[in-house]
Structure formats: structure tokens, C-alpha cells
Amino acid sequence: MKENNMRKAIFPGSFDPLTNGHVETVNIATTIFDKVFFVIMTNTNKKYLFTEEERLEIAKTVFKDNSKVEVIARPQELAVDVAMKLGANTIVRGLRNDADFNYEREIAAINKTLAPQLNTILLLTGPENSFISSTMIKETATFGGDITKLVPDIVSEALKKKLNK
């Protein structure tokens, strides 16, 4: 398919760390879009455990076998600007619960104001991922809890190394 005829979307987030919920959202998105840009961004309200480079390397490893996914980092840009530069007309976000919906609706409204030509689609995660958050993963791992069923193997190993567990 020609590049300009491709249906492209971005999936922006901090991904600190990347979880099985994020992977599920990307997998769903690749059934809808020809190209999904997994965009590592900065959330100024968060304190990061992994560096941008570490998050980028982890994501590239997780998605290396999926030709529809391109992993990039754009830490100093707005998601709408990244989408427009990449020729994507949709921002993909994952939903776990009602609180996510309310938050994402607000962000989608801001994005629509900034870039009316962009759409946001919200994808529901399955029940097995509906409770997983990066914050919860970090907290559980910090105190020695088993996170192996909640994150890709590379994330579990990286967390053990980072936390010396």
C-alpha cells in the first residue's frame, strides 16, 4: 500500500513501564490501522523510573516482530503535533475503566481544539488487563510482588534489574 494511502494512528504515552494493557491496545489498533506509531512522550506530572532511552529500547524489543508498529520517542512535543508530522489522523488511547474514560475525554477535547482534523479512538482492554497501570506495576515490583503476568518479559527483567530485586 502506498504511504499516502495508509491509515495511520499514533498511540502516545509515557509507558513507564510498558504493560500488557499497552501491548493489547497496540494489537487491537493494528487490526484497524495500516501503521501504528508507538510514541514515547513526556508527562510532566510523572516521575520516571526508566529513562527515555530505556523505554524506547524496551518498546522496540516488544514490537520488533510487528511490521505495522513503529516505535519512536517525541518527548518534547504535543501528541497532536506528532500525529500531524507523521501523517496520522487518529490518536489511539486504551481504556481500562470509567476513570480512564473521563480523563481521556478531556484530553480528546483539548486535542480536537488544537487539531480539529484529528480524531481520537478509545479502545477497551480485556478484563485481564483492565486493572493494570504502570504506577501499580512499579509499586508491586518495588515491594517484591510478582508482575510476570502483567508485563512483557523484558519489562519484568528490566524492573528487577532497576530495583535490584
N, C-alpha and C. Protein backbone atom coordinates (compact mmCIF):
# COMPACT_ATOMS: atom_id res chain seq x y z
N MET A 1 0.85 -1.18 0.00
CA MET A 1 0.00 0.00 0.00
C MET A 1 0.89 1.24 0.00
N LYS A 2 0.52 2.22 -0.81
CA LYS A 2 1.29 3.46 -0.87
C LYS A 2 1.23 4.19 0.47
N GLU A 3 2.34 4.83 0.80
CA GLU A 3 2.46 5.55 2.08
C GLU A 3 1.31 6.54 2.30
N ASN A 4 0.95 7.30 1.26
CA ASN A 4 -0.09 8.32 1.43
C ASN A 4 -1.50 7.74 1.49
N ASN A 5 -1.67 6.47 1.17
CA ASN A 5 -2.98 5.82 1.28
C ASN A 5 -3.13 5.02 2.57
N MET A 6 -2.08 4.98 3.36
CA MET A 6 -2.11 4.19 4.58
C MET A 6 -2.95 4.87 5.65
N ARG A 7 -3.67 4.05 6.41
CA ARG A 7 -4.40 4.54 7.59
C ARG A 7 -3.41 4.49 8.75
N LYS A 8 -3.06 5.68 9.26
CA LYS A 8 -2.04 5.77 10.30
C LYS A 8 -2.63 6.35 11.59
N ALA A 9 -2.11 5.84 12.69
CA ALA A 9 -2.51 6.34 14.01
C ALA A 9 -1.27 6.42 14.90
N ILE A 10 -1.40 7.24 15.93
CA ILE A 10 -0.36 7.24 16.95
C ILE A 10 -0.96 6.73 18.25
N PHE A 11 -0.15 6.06 19.02
CA PHE A 11 -0.51 5.64 20.38
C PHE A 11 0.52 6.27 21.30
N PRO A 12 0.21 7.47 21.82
CA PRO A 12 1.17 8.19 22.66
C PRO A 12 1.03 7.81 24.13
N GLY A 13 2.14 7.89 24.84
CA GLY A 13 2.10 7.65 26.27
C GLY A 13 3.50 7.71 26.86
N SER A 14 3.55 7.66 28.18
CA SER A 14 4.86 7.66 28.84
C SER A 14 5.43 6.24 28.93
N PHE A 15 4.56 5.25 29.08
CA PHE A 15 4.96 3.84 29.06
C PHE A 15 6.11 3.55 30.03
N ASP A 16 5.91 3.94 31.28
CA ASP A 16 6.94 3.77 32.31
C ASP A 16 6.40 2.94 33.47
N PRO A 17 6.39 1.63 33.34
CA PRO A 17 6.84 0.82 32.21
C PRO A 17 5.69 0.45 31.28
N LEU A 18 6.05 -0.14 30.18
CA LEU A 18 5.11 -0.70 29.22
C LEU A 18 4.45 -1.93 29.87
N THR A 19 3.13 -2.07 29.71
CA THR A 19 2.38 -3.17 30.33
C THR A 19 1.70 -4.03 29.27
N ASN A 20 1.15 -5.14 29.71
CA ASN A 20 0.37 -5.98 28.80
C ASN A 20 -0.86 -5.24 28.28
N GLY A 21 -1.39 -4.31 29.05
CA GLY A 21 -2.51 -3.48 28.58
C GLY A 21 -2.11 -2.62 27.39
N HIS A 22 -0.91 -2.06 27.44
CA HIS A 22 -0.41 -1.28 26.31
C HIS A 22 -0.24 -2.16 25.08
N VAL A 23 0.32 -3.35 25.29
CA VAL A 23 0.52 -4.29 24.18
C VAL A 23 -0.83 -4.67 23.57
N GLU A 24 -1.81 -4.94 24.41
CA GLU A 24 -3.14 -5.29 23.90
C GLU A 24 -3.73 -4.14 23.08
N THR A 25 -3.60 -2.92 23.56
CA THR A 25 -4.12 -1.76 22.83
C THR A 25 -3.46 -1.65 21.46
N VAL A 26 -2.15 -1.82 21.40
CA VAL A 26 -1.44 -1.77 20.12
C VAL A 26 -1.92 -2.89 19.20
N ASN A 27 -2.06 -4.08 19.74
CA ASN A 27 -2.51 -5.21 18.91
C ASN A 27 -3.90 -4.97 18.33
N ILE A 28 -4.79 -4.39 19.11
CA ILE A 28 -6.12 -4.05 18.59
C ILE A 28 -5.99 -2.97 17.51
N ALA A 29 -5.19 -1.95 17.79
CA ALA A 29 -5.03 -0.84 16.84
C ALA A 29 -4.49 -1.32 15.50
N THR A 30 -3.62 -2.31 15.51
CA THR A 30 -3.06 -2.79 14.25
C THR A 30 -4.07 -3.59 13.42
N THR A 31 -5.21 -3.93 14.00
CA THR A 31 -6.28 -4.54 13.20
C THR A 31 -7.12 -3.48 12.50
N ILE A 32 -6.98 -2.24 12.93
CA ILE A 32 -7.76 -1.13 12.38
C ILE A 32 -6.92 -0.27 11.44
N PHE A 33 -5.65 -0.09 11.78
CA PHE A 33 -4.77 0.82 11.04
C PHE A 33 -3.66 0.06 10.33
N ASP A 34 -3.18 0.65 9.24
CA ASP A 34 -2.07 0.06 8.49
C ASP A 34 -0.74 0.30 9.20
N LYS A 35 -0.65 1.41 9.92
CA LYS A 35 0.58 1.78 10.62
C LYS A 35 0.20 2.41 11.96
N VAL A 36 0.82 1.93 13.03
CA VAL A 36 0.61 2.50 14.36
C VAL A 36 1.97 2.95 14.88
N PHE A 37 2.07 4.22 15.17
CA PHE A 37 3.28 4.77 15.76
C PHE A 37 3.12 4.72 17.28
N PHE A 38 3.96 3.95 17.92
CA PHE A 38 4.00 3.85 19.38
C PHE A 38 4.94 4.96 19.83
N VAL A 39 4.36 6.02 20.39
CA VAL A 39 5.13 7.25 20.63
C VAL A 39 5.39 7.45 22.12
N ILE A 40 6.64 7.37 22.48
CA ILE A 40 7.04 7.60 23.87
C ILE A 40 7.15 9.10 24.07
N MET A 41 6.35 9.59 25.02
CA MET A 41 6.25 11.02 25.25
C MET A 41 6.54 11.33 26.72
N THR A 42 6.49 12.60 27.06
CA THR A 42 6.73 13.04 28.42
C THR A 42 5.42 13.52 29.03
N ASN A 43 5.16 13.05 30.25
CA ASN A 43 4.05 13.56 31.04
C ASN A 43 4.70 14.32 32.19
N THR A 44 4.52 15.62 32.21
CA THR A 44 5.20 16.45 33.21
C THR A 44 4.73 16.18 34.63
N ASN A 45 3.62 15.46 34.78
CA ASN A 45 3.11 15.12 36.11
C ASN A 45 3.69 13.83 36.67
N LYS A 46 4.55 13.16 35.90
CA LYS A 46 5.07 11.87 36.32
C LYS A 46 6.56 11.93 36.64
N LYS A 47 6.95 11.10 37.61
CA LYS A 47 8.36 10.88 37.92
C LYS A 47 8.72 9.54 37.30
N TYR A 48 9.75 9.53 36.48
CA TYR A 48 10.08 8.34 35.70
C TYR A 48 11.07 7.43 36.41
N LEU A 49 10.83 6.12 36.28
CA LEU A 49 11.76 5.10 36.75
C LEU A 49 12.76 4.78 35.63
N PHE A 50 12.23 4.62 34.41
CA PHE A 50 13.07 4.31 33.26
C PHE A 50 13.35 5.58 32.46
N THR A 51 14.55 5.66 31.91
CA THR A 51 14.90 6.79 31.06
C THR A 51 14.14 6.67 29.73
N GLU A 52 14.12 7.75 28.99
CA GLU A 52 13.50 7.72 27.66
C GLU A 52 14.16 6.65 26.79
N GLU A 53 15.48 6.57 26.84
CA GLU A 53 16.21 5.59 26.04
C GLU A 53 15.85 4.16 26.43
N GLU A 54 15.71 3.92 27.73
CA GLU A 54 15.33 2.58 28.19
C GLU A 54 13.92 2.22 27.75
N ARG A 55 13.00 3.16 27.87
CA ARG A 55 11.61 2.91 27.44
C ARG A 55 11.55 2.66 25.94
N LEU A 56 12.35 3.40 25.18
CA LEU A 56 12.40 3.23 23.73
C LEU A 56 12.93 1.84 23.38
N GLU A 57 14.00 1.44 24.01
CA GLU A 57 14.61 0.13 23.73
C GLU A 57 13.67 -1.01 24.11
N ILE A 58 13.01 -0.89 25.25
CA ILE A 58 12.05 -1.92 25.68
C ILE A 58 10.93 -2.04 24.66
N ALA A 59 10.35 -0.92 24.27
CA ALA A 59 9.23 -0.95 23.31
C ALA A 59 9.66 -1.50 21.96
N LYS A 60 10.84 -1.12 21.51
CA LYS A 60 11.33 -1.64 20.22
C LYS A 60 11.48 -3.16 20.29
N THR A 61 11.94 -3.66 21.40
CA THR A 61 12.09 -5.11 21.57
C THR A 61 10.72 -5.80 21.59
N VAL A 62 9.78 -5.24 22.32
CA VAL A 62 8.44 -5.84 22.44
C VAL A 62 7.75 -5.91 21.08
N PHE A 63 7.89 -4.87 20.27
CA PHE A 63 7.15 -4.80 19.00
C PHE A 63 8.00 -5.13 17.77
N LYS A 64 9.19 -5.67 17.97
CA LYS A 64 10.12 -5.90 16.84
C LYS A 64 9.55 -6.80 15.75
N ASP A 65 8.66 -7.70 16.08
CA ASP A 65 8.12 -8.62 15.08
C ASP A 65 6.82 -8.14 14.44
N ASN A 66 6.38 -6.94 14.79
CA ASN A 66 5.13 -6.41 14.24
C ASN A 66 5.46 -5.29 13.24
N SER A 67 5.38 -5.61 11.96
CA SER A 67 5.76 -4.65 10.92
C SER A 67 4.82 -3.44 10.85
N LYS A 68 3.66 -3.52 11.47
CA LYS A 68 2.72 -2.39 11.46
C LYS A 68 3.02 -1.37 12.55
N VAL A 69 3.95 -1.69 13.44
CA VAL A 69 4.25 -0.81 14.57
C VAL A 69 5.64 -0.20 14.40
N GLU A 70 5.68 1.11 14.58
CA GLU A 70 6.96 1.82 14.59
C GLU A 70 7.08 2.53 15.93
N VAL A 71 8.15 2.26 16.64
CA VAL A 71 8.37 2.85 17.96
C VAL A 71 9.28 4.06 17.82
N ILE A 72 8.81 5.19 18.35
CA ILE A 72 9.59 6.43 18.30
C ILE A 72 9.44 7.17 19.62
N ALA A 73 10.32 8.11 19.86
CA ALA A 73 10.23 8.97 21.04
C ALA A 73 10.10 10.42 20.58
N ARG A 74 9.16 11.11 21.18
CA ARG A 74 8.95 12.54 20.91
C ARG A 74 8.66 13.22 22.25
N PRO A 75 9.67 13.30 23.12
CA PRO A 75 9.44 13.76 24.49
C PRO A 75 9.08 15.23 24.65
N GLN A 76 9.41 16.05 23.68
CA GLN A 76 9.20 17.49 23.83
C GLN A 76 8.12 18.03 22.90
N GLU A 77 7.18 17.18 22.50
CA GLU A 77 6.14 17.61 21.57
C GLU A 77 4.76 17.23 22.08
N LEU A 78 3.76 17.93 21.57
CA LEU A 78 2.37 17.56 21.83
C LEU A 78 1.98 16.42 20.91
N ALA A 79 1.11 15.56 21.40
CA ALA A 79 0.65 14.41 20.60
C ALA A 79 0.05 14.86 19.27
N VAL A 80 -0.72 15.94 19.28
CA VAL A 80 -1.36 16.39 18.03
C VAL A 80 -0.31 16.82 17.00
N ASP A 81 0.76 17.45 17.46
CA ASP A 81 1.82 17.86 16.54
C ASP A 81 2.55 16.64 15.97
N VAL A 82 2.80 15.66 16.82
CA VAL A 82 3.45 14.43 16.36
C VAL A 82 2.58 13.74 15.31
N ALA A 83 1.29 13.62 15.60
CA ALA A 83 0.37 12.97 14.66
C ALA A 83 0.40 13.66 13.30
N MET A 84 0.31 14.97 13.30
CA MET A 84 0.29 15.70 12.03
C MET A 84 1.61 15.55 11.27
N LYS A 85 2.73 15.59 11.97
CA LYS A 85 4.03 15.43 11.31
C LYS A 85 4.18 14.04 10.68
N LEU A 86 3.56 13.05 11.31
CA LEU A 86 3.67 11.67 10.82
C LEU A 86 2.58 11.31 9.81
N GLY A 87 1.67 12.23 9.55
CA GLY A 87 0.59 11.96 8.61
C GLY A 87 -0.49 11.05 9.18
N ALA A 88 -0.58 10.99 10.50
CA ALA A 88 -1.63 10.19 11.16
C ALA A 88 -2.83 11.08 11.42
N ASN A 89 -4.03 10.53 11.23
CA ASN A 89 -5.22 11.34 11.51
C ASN A 89 -5.97 10.87 12.74
N THR A 90 -5.38 9.90 13.48
CA THR A 90 -6.05 9.36 14.65
C THR A 90 -5.07 9.17 15.80
N ILE A 91 -5.55 9.51 16.98
CA ILE A 91 -4.83 9.22 18.22
C ILE A 91 -5.56 8.07 18.90
N VAL A 92 -4.83 7.03 19.20
CA VAL A 92 -5.39 5.85 19.87
C VAL A 92 -5.07 5.92 21.35
N ARG A 93 -6.06 5.59 22.16
CA ARG A 93 -5.86 5.52 23.61
C ARG A 93 -6.55 4.26 24.13
N GLY A 94 -5.98 3.67 25.16
CA GLY A 94 -6.57 2.49 25.77
C GLY A 94 -7.40 2.88 26.98
N LEU A 95 -8.48 2.14 27.18
CA LEU A 95 -9.36 2.38 28.33
C LEU A 95 -9.42 1.15 29.20
N ARG A 96 -9.29 1.36 30.50
CA ARG A 96 -9.44 0.28 31.46
C ARG A 96 -10.74 0.39 32.23
N ASN A 97 -11.18 1.63 32.49
CA ASN A 97 -12.30 1.83 33.41
C ASN A 97 -12.93 3.21 33.21
N ASP A 98 -13.92 3.53 34.05
CA ASP A 98 -14.63 4.81 33.97
C ASP A 98 -13.70 6.00 34.17
N ALA A 99 -12.79 5.88 35.11
CA ALA A 99 -11.87 6.99 35.37
C ALA A 99 -11.03 7.29 34.14
N ASP A 100 -10.57 6.25 33.45
CA ASP A 100 -9.83 6.45 32.21
C ASP A 100 -10.68 7.19 31.19
N PHE A 101 -11.96 6.79 31.08
CA PHE A 101 -12.84 7.42 30.09
C PHE A 101 -12.95 8.91 30.35
N ASN A 102 -13.19 9.30 31.58
CA ASN A 102 -13.34 10.72 31.89
C ASN A 102 -12.07 11.51 31.60
N TYR A 103 -10.93 10.95 31.96
CA TYR A 103 -9.65 11.60 31.69
C TYR A 103 -9.41 11.70 30.18
N GLU A 104 -9.60 10.61 29.47
CA GLU A 104 -9.34 10.58 28.03
C GLU A 104 -10.30 11.49 27.26
N ARG A 105 -11.53 11.61 27.73
CA ARG A 105 -12.49 12.50 27.08
C ARG A 105 -12.00 13.95 27.17
N GLU A 106 -11.46 14.33 28.31
CA GLU A 106 -10.92 15.69 28.47
C GLU A 106 -9.73 15.92 27.54
N ILE A 107 -8.83 14.96 27.49
CA ILE A 107 -7.66 15.09 26.62
C ILE A 107 -8.09 15.14 25.15
N ALA A 108 -9.05 14.30 24.77
CA ALA A 108 -9.54 14.29 23.39
C ALA A 108 -10.15 15.64 23.02
N ALA A 109 -10.84 16.27 23.96
CA ALA A 109 -11.45 17.58 23.70
C ALA A 109 -10.37 18.64 23.48
N ILE A 110 -9.33 18.60 24.28
CA ILE A 110 -8.22 19.55 24.10
C ILE A 110 -7.56 19.30 22.74
N ASN A 111 -7.30 18.03 22.44
CA ASN A 111 -6.67 17.70 21.16
C ASN A 111 -7.52 18.15 19.98
N LYS A 112 -8.84 17.98 20.08
CA LYS A 112 -9.75 18.39 18.99
C LYS A 112 -9.72 19.91 18.82
N THR A 113 -9.57 20.63 19.91
CA THR A 113 -9.47 22.09 19.84
C THR A 113 -8.17 22.50 19.16
N LEU A 114 -7.08 21.81 19.49
CA LEU A 114 -5.78 22.13 18.91
C LEU A 114 -5.65 21.69 17.45
N ALA A 115 -6.29 20.57 17.12
CA ALA A 115 -6.17 20.00 15.77
C ALA A 115 -7.50 19.36 15.38
N PRO A 116 -8.45 20.17 14.87
CA PRO A 116 -9.79 19.67 14.56
C PRO A 116 -9.82 18.50 13.58
N GLN A 117 -8.79 18.38 12.76
CA GLN A 117 -8.76 17.31 11.76
C GLN A 117 -8.41 15.94 12.35
N LEU A 118 -7.93 15.91 13.59
CA LEU A 118 -7.56 14.65 14.23
C LEU A 118 -8.72 14.06 15.02
N ASN A 119 -8.79 12.74 15.00
CA ASN A 119 -9.78 12.03 15.79
C ASN A 119 -9.08 11.24 16.89
N THR A 120 -9.82 10.94 17.94
CA THR A 120 -9.32 10.07 19.00
C THR A 120 -10.23 8.86 19.05
N ILE A 121 -9.64 7.67 19.09
CA ILE A 121 -10.45 6.48 19.33
C ILE A 121 -9.96 5.84 20.63
N LEU A 122 -10.93 5.38 21.40
CA LEU A 122 -10.65 4.76 22.69
C LEU A 122 -10.91 3.27 22.57
N LEU A 123 -9.91 2.47 22.88
CA LEU A 123 -10.00 1.03 22.75
C LEU A 123 -10.05 0.39 24.14
N LEU A 124 -11.03 -0.47 24.34
CA LEU A 124 -11.19 -1.14 25.63
C LEU A 124 -10.25 -2.32 25.75
N THR A 125 -9.58 -2.41 26.89
CA THR A 125 -8.76 -3.59 27.14
C THR A 125 -9.66 -4.69 27.69
N GLY A 126 -9.20 -5.92 27.56
CA GLY A 126 -9.94 -7.05 28.10
C GLY A 126 -9.85 -7.08 29.61
N PRO A 127 -10.69 -7.90 30.24
CA PRO A 127 -10.73 -7.95 31.71
C PRO A 127 -9.38 -8.29 32.35
N GLU A 128 -8.58 -9.09 31.64
CA GLU A 128 -7.29 -9.49 32.21
C GLU A 128 -6.30 -8.33 32.30
N ASN A 129 -6.58 -7.25 31.58
CA ASN A 129 -5.70 -6.07 31.62
C ASN A 129 -6.39 -4.83 32.17
N SER A 130 -7.63 -4.95 32.58
CA SER A 130 -8.42 -3.78 32.94
C SER A 130 -7.99 -3.12 34.26
N PHE A 131 -7.18 -3.78 35.02
CA PHE A 131 -6.75 -3.23 36.32
C PHE A 131 -5.27 -2.83 36.32
N ILE A 132 -4.58 -3.08 35.22
CA ILE A 132 -3.13 -2.86 35.18
C ILE A 132 -2.82 -1.39 34.88
N SER A 133 -1.97 -0.81 35.71
CA SER A 133 -1.45 0.53 35.43
C SER A 133 0.06 0.50 35.64
N SER A 134 0.75 1.37 34.96
CA SER A 134 2.21 1.45 35.13
C SER A 134 2.57 1.77 36.57
N THR A 135 1.80 2.64 37.20
CA THR A 135 2.04 3.00 38.60
C THR A 135 1.91 1.78 39.50
N MET A 136 0.86 1.00 39.28
CA MET A 136 0.64 -0.21 40.08
C MET A 136 1.75 -1.22 39.85
N ILE A 137 2.22 -1.34 38.62
CA ILE A 137 3.32 -2.26 38.30
C ILE A 137 4.57 -1.85 39.07
N LYS A 138 4.92 -0.57 39.04
CA LYS A 138 6.12 -0.10 39.73
C LYS A 138 6.01 -0.34 41.24
N GLU A 139 4.85 -0.04 41.80
CA GLU A 139 4.63 -0.23 43.24
C GLU A 139 4.76 -1.70 43.62
N THR A 140 4.12 -2.57 42.86
CA THR A 140 4.16 -4.01 43.14
C THR A 140 5.59 -4.54 43.03
N ALA A 141 6.28 -4.15 41.97
CA ALA A 141 7.66 -4.61 41.76
C ALA A 141 8.60 -4.09 42.84
N THR A 142 8.40 -2.86 43.27
CA THR A 142 9.25 -2.26 44.30
C THR A 142 9.25 -3.09 45.58
N PHE A 143 8.09 -3.65 45.91
CA PHE A 143 7.97 -4.42 47.14
C PHE A 143 8.02 -5.93 46.91
N GLY A 144 8.59 -6.32 45.76
CA GLY A 144 8.87 -7.72 45.52
C GLY A 144 7.72 -8.56 45.02
N GLY A 145 6.62 -7.92 44.61
CA GLY A 145 5.48 -8.67 44.10
C GLY A 145 5.74 -9.24 42.71
N ASP A 146 5.02 -10.28 42.37
CA ASP A 146 5.18 -10.95 41.07
C ASP A 146 4.37 -10.21 40.00
N ILE A 147 5.07 -9.63 39.05
CA ILE A 147 4.40 -8.88 37.97
C ILE A 147 4.50 -9.60 36.63
N THR A 148 5.00 -10.82 36.63
CA THR A 148 5.30 -11.51 35.38
C THR A 148 4.08 -11.72 34.48
N LYS A 149 2.88 -11.77 35.04
CA LYS A 149 1.68 -11.96 34.22
C LYS A 149 1.10 -10.63 33.75
N LEU A 150 1.70 -9.53 34.15
CA LEU A 150 1.15 -8.20 33.89
C LEU A 150 1.94 -7.39 32.87
N VAL A 151 3.16 -7.82 32.61
CA VAL A 151 4.05 -7.07 31.72
C VAL A 151 4.80 -8.04 30.81
N PRO A 152 5.29 -7.57 29.66
CA PRO A 152 6.15 -8.42 28.84
C PRO A 152 7.40 -8.83 29.63
N ASP A 153 7.98 -9.98 29.27
CA ASP A 153 9.15 -10.50 29.99
C ASP A 153 10.28 -9.49 30.09
N ILE A 154 10.55 -8.76 29.01
CA ILE A 154 11.65 -7.79 29.03
C ILE A 154 11.42 -6.71 30.09
N VAL A 155 10.17 -6.34 30.32
CA VAL A 155 9.84 -5.33 31.33
C VAL A 155 10.07 -5.89 32.72
N SER A 156 9.64 -7.11 32.94
CA SER A 156 9.84 -7.76 34.24
C SER A 156 11.33 -7.83 34.58
N GLU A 157 12.12 -8.24 33.61
CA GLU A 157 13.57 -8.33 33.81
C GLU A 157 14.19 -6.96 34.05
N ALA A 158 13.77 -5.97 33.27
CA ALA A 158 14.30 -4.61 33.42
C ALA A 158 13.95 -4.03 34.79
N LEU A 159 12.74 -4.31 35.26
CA LEU A 159 12.34 -3.82 36.59
C LEU A 159 13.16 -4.49 37.69
N LYS A 160 13.38 -5.79 37.57
CA LYS A 160 14.19 -6.50 38.57
C LYS A 160 15.59 -5.89 38.63
N LYS A 161 16.16 -5.63 37.47
CA LYS A 161 17.50 -5.06 37.40
C LYS A 161 17.51 -3.65 37.99
N LYS A 162 16.53 -2.86 37.60
CA LYS A 162 16.46 -1.46 38.04
C LYS A 162 16.25 -1.37 39.55
N LEU A 163 15.44 -2.27 40.08
CA LEU A 163 15.10 -2.23 41.50
C LEU A 163 15.99 -3.14 42.34
N ASN A 164 16.93 -3.82 41.68
CA ASN A 164 17.83 -4.77 42.36
C ASN A 164 17.08 -5.84 43.14
N LYS A 165 16.05 -6.39 42.52
CA LYS A 165 15.24 -7.44 43.18
C LYS A 165 15.59 -8.79 42.63
